[in-house]
Amino acid sequence: MSTARVDAILERYGKDASSLLAILQDLQDEANYLPREDLDRIAEVLGISPTRVYGMATFFGVFSLKERGKHVCQVCLGTACHVRGAARLTEEFVRKLEVGVGETTPDKNFTLETVNCVGACALGPVVVINGQYHGSMSTGKVEGLLGEYGRGSAGKDGDDG
């Protein structure tokens, strides 16, 4: 992200260090992750230690220090989802996207993640893409769901693989 965009976020909060969490949230909303150079810039402008900024950025699981794709696909592995097949669902996403958990597709369109619980146990198994919940998921629904976000069949755009 450009220094100007980071500075604009900082200005919205009056360059107030007590707004660090909100600043990080806004940065993640814009960049889809927290770039190192931006975290360093935040520390410098707010006059706080980089350790404090990185400490907050790594404490909360919602933040990512790794670049992520346009669409962040999170498979819930909580107990209710687990007993309803979340592990098989994760394997199907790995197969269709051709990436491992925690990785991003080469086209930077998808990042696959697993999470401990999304709090929608009655809908399990649940997949969350860009904050949108998809309940009662099955391996047979994965390809169609990815298609809704611009991914072709068999994990390749427009290719039957």
C-alpha atoms as a PDB file:
ATOM      1  CA  MET A   1       0.000   0.000   0.000  1.00  0.00           C
ATOM      2  CA  SER A   2       1.244   3.501  -0.644  1.00  0.00           C
ATOM      3  CA  THR A   3       2.533   5.713   2.136  1.00  0.00           C
ATOM      4  CA  ALA A   4      -0.226   8.197   1.255  1.00  0.00           C
ATOM      5  CA  ARG A   5      -2.962   5.573   1.898  1.00  0.00           C
ATOM      6  CA  VAL A   6      -1.412   4.584   5.231  1.00  0.00           C
ATOM      7  CA  ASP A   7      -1.107   8.242   6.188  1.00  0.00           C
ATOM      8  CA  ALA A   8      -4.771   8.814   5.238  1.00  0.00           C
ATOM      9  CA  ILE A   9      -5.810   5.997   7.587  1.00  0.00           C
ATOM     10  CA  LEU A  10      -3.662   7.475  10.354  1.00  0.00           C
ATOM     11  CA  GLU A  11      -5.199  10.929   9.784  1.00  0.00           C
ATOM     12  CA  ARG A  12      -8.718   9.509  10.211  1.00  0.00           C
ATOM     13  CA  TYR A  13      -7.746   8.602  13.761  1.00  0.00           C
ATOM     14  CA  GLY A  14      -5.845  11.793  14.526  1.00  0.00           C
ATOM     15  CA  LYS A  15      -2.555   9.873  14.631  1.00  0.00           C
ATOM     16  CA  ASP A  16      -3.655   8.649  18.065  1.00  0.00           C
ATOM     17  CA  ALA A  17      -1.842   5.539  19.312  1.00  0.00           C
ATOM     18  CA  SER A  18      -4.890   4.533  21.351  1.00  0.00           C
ATOM     19  CA  SER A  19      -6.630   3.858  18.007  1.00  0.00           C
ATOM     20  CA  LEU A  20      -4.037   1.287  16.940  1.00  0.00           C
ATOM     21  CA  LEU A  21      -6.525  -1.595  16.705  1.00  0.00           C
ATOM     22  CA  ALA A  22      -8.909   0.410  14.503  1.00  0.00           C
ATOM     23  CA  ILE A  23      -5.998   1.582  12.343  1.00  0.00           C
ATOM     24  CA  LEU A  24      -4.880  -2.019  11.802  1.00  0.00           C
ATOM     25  CA  GLN A  25      -8.443  -3.057  10.956  1.00  0.00           C
ATOM     26  CA  ASP A  26      -8.723  -0.320   8.330  1.00  0.00           C
ATOM     27  CA  LEU A  27      -5.348  -1.233   6.867  1.00  0.00           C
ATOM     28  CA  GLN A  28      -6.328  -4.900   6.629  1.00  0.00           C
ATOM     29  CA  ASP A  29      -9.661  -3.934   5.022  1.00  0.00           C
ATOM     30  CA  GLU A  30      -7.816  -2.042   2.305  1.00  0.00           C
ATOM     31  CA  ALA A  31      -4.797  -4.283   1.700  1.00  0.00           C
ATOM     32  CA  ASN A  32      -6.338  -7.644   2.775  1.00  0.00           C
ATOM     33  CA  TYR A  33      -3.280  -8.147   4.976  1.00  0.00           C
ATOM     34  CA  LEU A  34      -0.831  -6.053   7.028  1.00  0.00           C
ATOM     35  CA  PRO A  35       2.269  -5.285   4.956  1.00  0.00           C
ATOM     36  CA  ARG A  36       5.471  -5.011   6.996  1.00  0.00           C
ATOM     37  CA  GLU A  37       6.427  -1.601   5.600  1.00  0.00           C
ATOM     38  CA  ASP A  38       2.992  -0.254   6.530  1.00  0.00           C
ATOM     39  CA  LEU A  39       3.294  -1.533  10.100  1.00  0.00           C
ATOM     40  CA  ASP A  40       6.686   0.146  10.355  1.00  0.00           C
ATOM     41  CA  ARG A  41       5.174   3.387   9.028  1.00  0.00           C
ATOM     42  CA  ILE A  42       2.360   3.203  11.597  1.00  0.00           C
ATOM     43  CA  ALA A  43       4.862   2.778  14.440  1.00  0.00           C
ATOM     44  CA  GLU A  44       6.947   5.685  13.170  1.00  0.00           C
ATOM     45  CA  VAL A  45       4.031   8.111  12.745  1.00  0.00           C
ATOM     46  CA  LEU A  46       2.338   7.156  16.022  1.00  0.00           C
ATOM     47  CA  GLY A  47       5.629   7.366  17.897  1.00  0.00           C
ATOM     48  CA  ILE A  48       5.309   3.877  19.354  1.00  0.00           C
ATOM     49  CA  SER A  49       7.590   0.882  19.185  1.00  0.00           C
ATOM     50  CA  PRO A  50       7.308  -1.486  16.236  1.00  0.00           C
ATOM     51  CA  THR A  51       7.060  -4.261  18.841  1.00  0.00           C
ATOM     52  CA  ARG A  52       3.785  -2.804  20.111  1.00  0.00           C
ATOM     53  CA  VAL A  53       2.368  -2.644  16.577  1.00  0.00           C
ATOM     54  CA  TYR A  54       3.519  -6.157  15.691  1.00  0.00           C
ATOM     55  CA  GLY A  55       2.317  -7.444  19.055  1.00  0.00           C
ATOM     56  CA  MET A  56      -1.218  -6.316  18.330  1.00  0.00           C
ATOM     57  CA  ALA A  57      -1.056  -7.461  14.711  1.00  0.00           C
ATOM     58  CA  THR A  58      -0.047 -10.976  15.764  1.00  0.00           C
ATOM     59  CA  PHE A  59      -2.280 -11.255  18.837  1.00  0.00           C
ATOM     60  CA  PHE A  60      -5.565 -11.101  16.947  1.00  0.00           C
ATOM     61  CA  GLY A  61      -6.226 -14.019  14.587  1.00  0.00           C
ATOM     62  CA  VAL A  62      -8.213 -11.811  12.230  1.00  0.00           C
ATOM     63  CA  PHE A  63      -5.010 -10.124  11.063  1.00  0.00           C
ATOM     64  CA  SER A  64      -2.656 -11.595   8.498  1.00  0.00           C
ATOM     65  CA  LEU A  65       0.969 -10.639   7.961  1.00  0.00           C
ATOM     66  CA  LYS A  66       1.064 -12.656   4.744  1.00  0.00           C
ATOM     67  CA  GLU A  67      -0.337 -11.363   1.470  1.00  0.00           C
ATOM     68  CA  ARG A  68      -3.713 -12.930   0.806  1.00  0.00           C
ATOM     69  CA  GLY A  69      -5.821 -13.412  -2.272  1.00  0.00           C
ATOM     70  CA  LYS A  70      -8.789 -11.365  -3.403  1.00  0.00           C
ATOM     71  CA  HIS A  71     -11.099 -13.985  -1.868  1.00  0.00           C
ATOM     72  CA  VAL A  72     -10.243 -15.383   1.570  1.00  0.00           C
ATOM     73  CA  CYS A  73     -11.843 -18.802   1.940  1.00  0.00           C
ATOM     74  CA  GLN A  74     -12.055 -20.009   5.535  1.00  0.00           C
ATOM     75  CA  VAL A  75     -13.196 -23.525   6.411  1.00  0.00           C
ATOM     76  CA  CYS A  76     -14.487 -23.848   9.973  1.00  0.00           C
ATOM     77  CA  LEU A  77     -12.926 -26.723  11.900  1.00  0.00           C
ATOM     78  CA  GLY A  78     -14.913 -26.222  15.096  1.00  0.00           C
ATOM     79  CA  THR A  79     -16.395 -29.299  16.761  1.00  0.00           C
ATOM     80  CA  ALA A  80     -19.823 -29.129  15.093  1.00  0.00           C
ATOM     81  CA  CYS A  81     -18.284 -28.593  11.661  1.00  0.00           C
ATOM     82  CA  HIS A  82     -15.610 -31.228  12.268  1.00  0.00           C
ATOM     83  CA  VAL A  83     -18.116 -33.977  13.030  1.00  0.00           C
ATOM     84  CA  ARG A  84     -20.051 -33.006   9.893  1.00  0.00           C
ATOM     85  CA  GLY A  85     -17.099 -33.429   7.554  1.00  0.00           C
ATOM     86  CA  ALA A  86     -15.016 -30.241   7.694  1.00  0.00           C
ATOM     87  CA  ALA A  87     -11.780 -32.186   7.184  1.00  0.00           C
ATOM     88  CA  ARG A  88     -13.065 -33.700   3.924  1.00  0.00           C
ATOM     89  CA  LEU A  89     -14.307 -30.265   2.907  1.00  0.00           C
ATOM     90  CA  THR A  90     -10.865 -28.783   3.522  1.00  0.00           C
ATOM     91  CA  GLU A  91      -9.287 -31.542   1.427  1.00  0.00           C
ATOM     92  CA  GLU A  92     -11.675 -30.746  -1.416  1.00  0.00           C
ATOM     93  CA  PHE A  93     -10.771 -27.043  -1.330  1.00  0.00           C
ATOM     94  CA  VAL A  94      -7.081 -28.007  -1.352  1.00  0.00           C
ATOM     95  CA  ARG A  95      -7.713 -30.211  -4.381  1.00  0.00           C
ATOM     96  CA  LYS A  96      -9.846 -27.696  -6.288  1.00  0.00           C
ATOM     97  CA  LEU A  97      -7.652 -24.676  -5.576  1.00  0.00           C
ATOM     98  CA  GLU A  98      -4.416 -26.638  -5.883  1.00  0.00           C
ATOM     99  CA  VAL A  99      -2.934 -24.937  -2.805  1.00  0.00           C
ATOM    100  CA  GLY A 100      -2.371 -25.960   0.782  1.00  0.00           C
ATOM    101  CA  VAL A 101      -4.039 -24.442   3.819  1.00  0.00           C
ATOM    102  CA  GLY A 102      -2.522 -21.017   4.473  1.00  0.00           C
ATOM    103  CA  GLU A 103      -1.535 -20.588   0.834  1.00  0.00           C
ATOM    104  CA  THR A 104      -2.703 -18.320  -1.968  1.00  0.00           C
ATOM    105  CA  THR A 105      -3.397 -19.376  -5.533  1.00  0.00           C
ATOM    106  CA  PRO A 106      -0.808 -18.206  -8.083  1.00  0.00           C
ATOM    107  CA  ASP A 107      -3.392 -15.863  -9.651  1.00  0.00           C
ATOM    108  CA  LYS A 108      -3.881 -14.249  -6.189  1.00  0.00           C
ATOM    109  CA  ASN A 109      -7.622 -14.910  -6.446  1.00  0.00           C
ATOM    110  CA  PHE A 110      -8.013 -17.228  -3.421  1.00  0.00           C
ATOM    111  CA  THR A 111      -6.365 -17.800  -0.072  1.00  0.00           C
ATOM    112  CA  LEU A 112      -7.385 -20.950   1.783  1.00  0.00           C
ATOM    113  CA  GLU A 113      -7.472 -20.844   5.573  1.00  0.00           C
ATOM    114  CA  THR A 114      -8.932 -22.905   8.371  1.00  0.00           C
ATOM    115  CA  VAL A 115     -10.393 -21.378  11.521  1.00  0.00           C
ATOM    116  CA  ASN A 116     -11.277 -22.893  14.877  1.00  0.00           C
ATOM    117  CA  CYS A 117     -14.883 -21.695  15.016  1.00  0.00           C
ATOM    118  CA  VAL A 118     -17.042 -19.140  13.229  1.00  0.00           C
ATOM    119  CA  GLY A 119     -19.923 -19.369  15.707  1.00  0.00           C
ATOM    120  CA  ALA A 120     -22.487 -20.771  13.267  1.00  0.00           C
ATOM    121  CA  CYS A 121     -22.578 -24.336  14.568  1.00  0.00           C
ATOM    122  CA  ALA A 122     -26.158 -25.031  13.483  1.00  0.00           C
ATOM    123  CA  LEU A 123     -25.145 -24.354   9.868  1.00  0.00           C
ATOM    124  CA  GLY A 124     -22.133 -26.663   9.887  1.00  0.00           C
ATOM    125  CA  PRO A 125     -20.051 -27.398   8.116  1.00  0.00           C
ATOM    126  CA  VAL A 126     -19.490 -23.741   7.328  1.00  0.00           C
ATOM    127  CA  VAL A 127     -17.232 -21.990   4.848  1.00  0.00           C
ATOM    128  CA  VAL A 128     -16.763 -18.226   5.043  1.00  0.00           C
ATOM    129  CA  ILE A 129     -15.599 -16.382   1.941  1.00  0.00           C
ATOM    130  CA  ASN A 130     -14.918 -12.664   2.284  1.00  0.00           C
ATOM    131  CA  GLY A 131     -17.105 -12.595   5.384  1.00  0.00           C
ATOM    132  CA  GLN A 132     -20.086 -14.300   3.690  1.00  0.00           C
ATOM    133  CA  TYR A 133     -21.226 -17.503   5.416  1.00  0.00           C
ATOM    134  CA  HIS A 134     -22.030 -20.619   3.395  1.00  0.00           C
ATOM    135  CA  GLY A 135     -23.650 -23.271   5.572  1.00  0.00           C
ATOM    136  CA  SER A 136     -24.435 -26.958   5.168  1.00  0.00           C
ATOM    137  CA  MET A 137     -21.453 -27.265   2.858  1.00  0.00           C
ATOM    138  CA  SER A 138     -20.432 -30.530   1.265  1.00  0.00           C
ATOM    139  CA  THR A 139     -17.617 -31.591  -1.027  1.00  0.00           C
ATOM    140  CA  GLY A 140     -20.100 -31.621  -3.900  1.00  0.00           C
ATOM    141  CA  LYS A 141     -20.838 -27.920  -3.399  1.00  0.00           C
ATOM    142  CA  VAL A 142     -17.221 -26.717  -3.428  1.00  0.00           C
ATOM    143  CA  GLU A 143     -16.828 -26.316  -7.180  1.00  0.00           C
ATOM    144  CA  GLY A 144     -20.076 -24.332  -7.498  1.00  0.00           C
ATOM    145  CA  LEU A 145     -19.146 -22.108  -4.585  1.00  0.00           C
ATOM    146  CA  LEU A 146     -15.736 -21.346  -6.066  1.00  0.00           C
ATOM    147  CA  GLY A 147     -17.465 -20.617  -9.370  1.00  0.00           C
ATOM    148  CA  GLU A 148     -19.487 -17.897  -7.646  1.00  0.00           C
ATOM    149  CA  TYR A 149     -16.173 -16.194  -6.912  1.00  0.00           C
ATOM    150  CA  GLY A 150     -14.744 -16.553 -10.398  1.00  0.00           C
ATOM    151  CA  ARG A 151     -13.046 -19.947 -10.279  1.00  0.00           C
ATOM    152  CA  GLY A 152     -13.628 -22.419 -13.114  1.00  0.00           C
ATOM    153  CA  SER A 153     -14.135 -26.156 -12.765  1.00  0.00           C
ATOM    154  CA  ALA A 154     -11.488 -28.478 -11.361  1.00  0.00           C
ATOM    155  CA  GLY A 155      -9.586 -25.562  -9.862  1.00  0.00           C
ATOM    156  CA  LYS A 156      -8.650 -24.075 -13.233  1.00  0.00           C
ATOM    157  CA  ASP A 157     -10.387 -21.157 -14.877  1.00  0.00           C
ATOM    158  CA  GLY A 158     -12.505 -22.548 -17.689  1.00  0.00           C
ATOM    159  CA  ASP A 159     -10.613 -25.868 -17.806  1.00  0.00           C
ATOM    160  CA  ASP A 160     -12.140 -29.212 -17.001  1.00  0.00           C
ATOM    161  CA  GLY A 161      -8.648 -30.291 -15.859  1.00  0.00           C
END
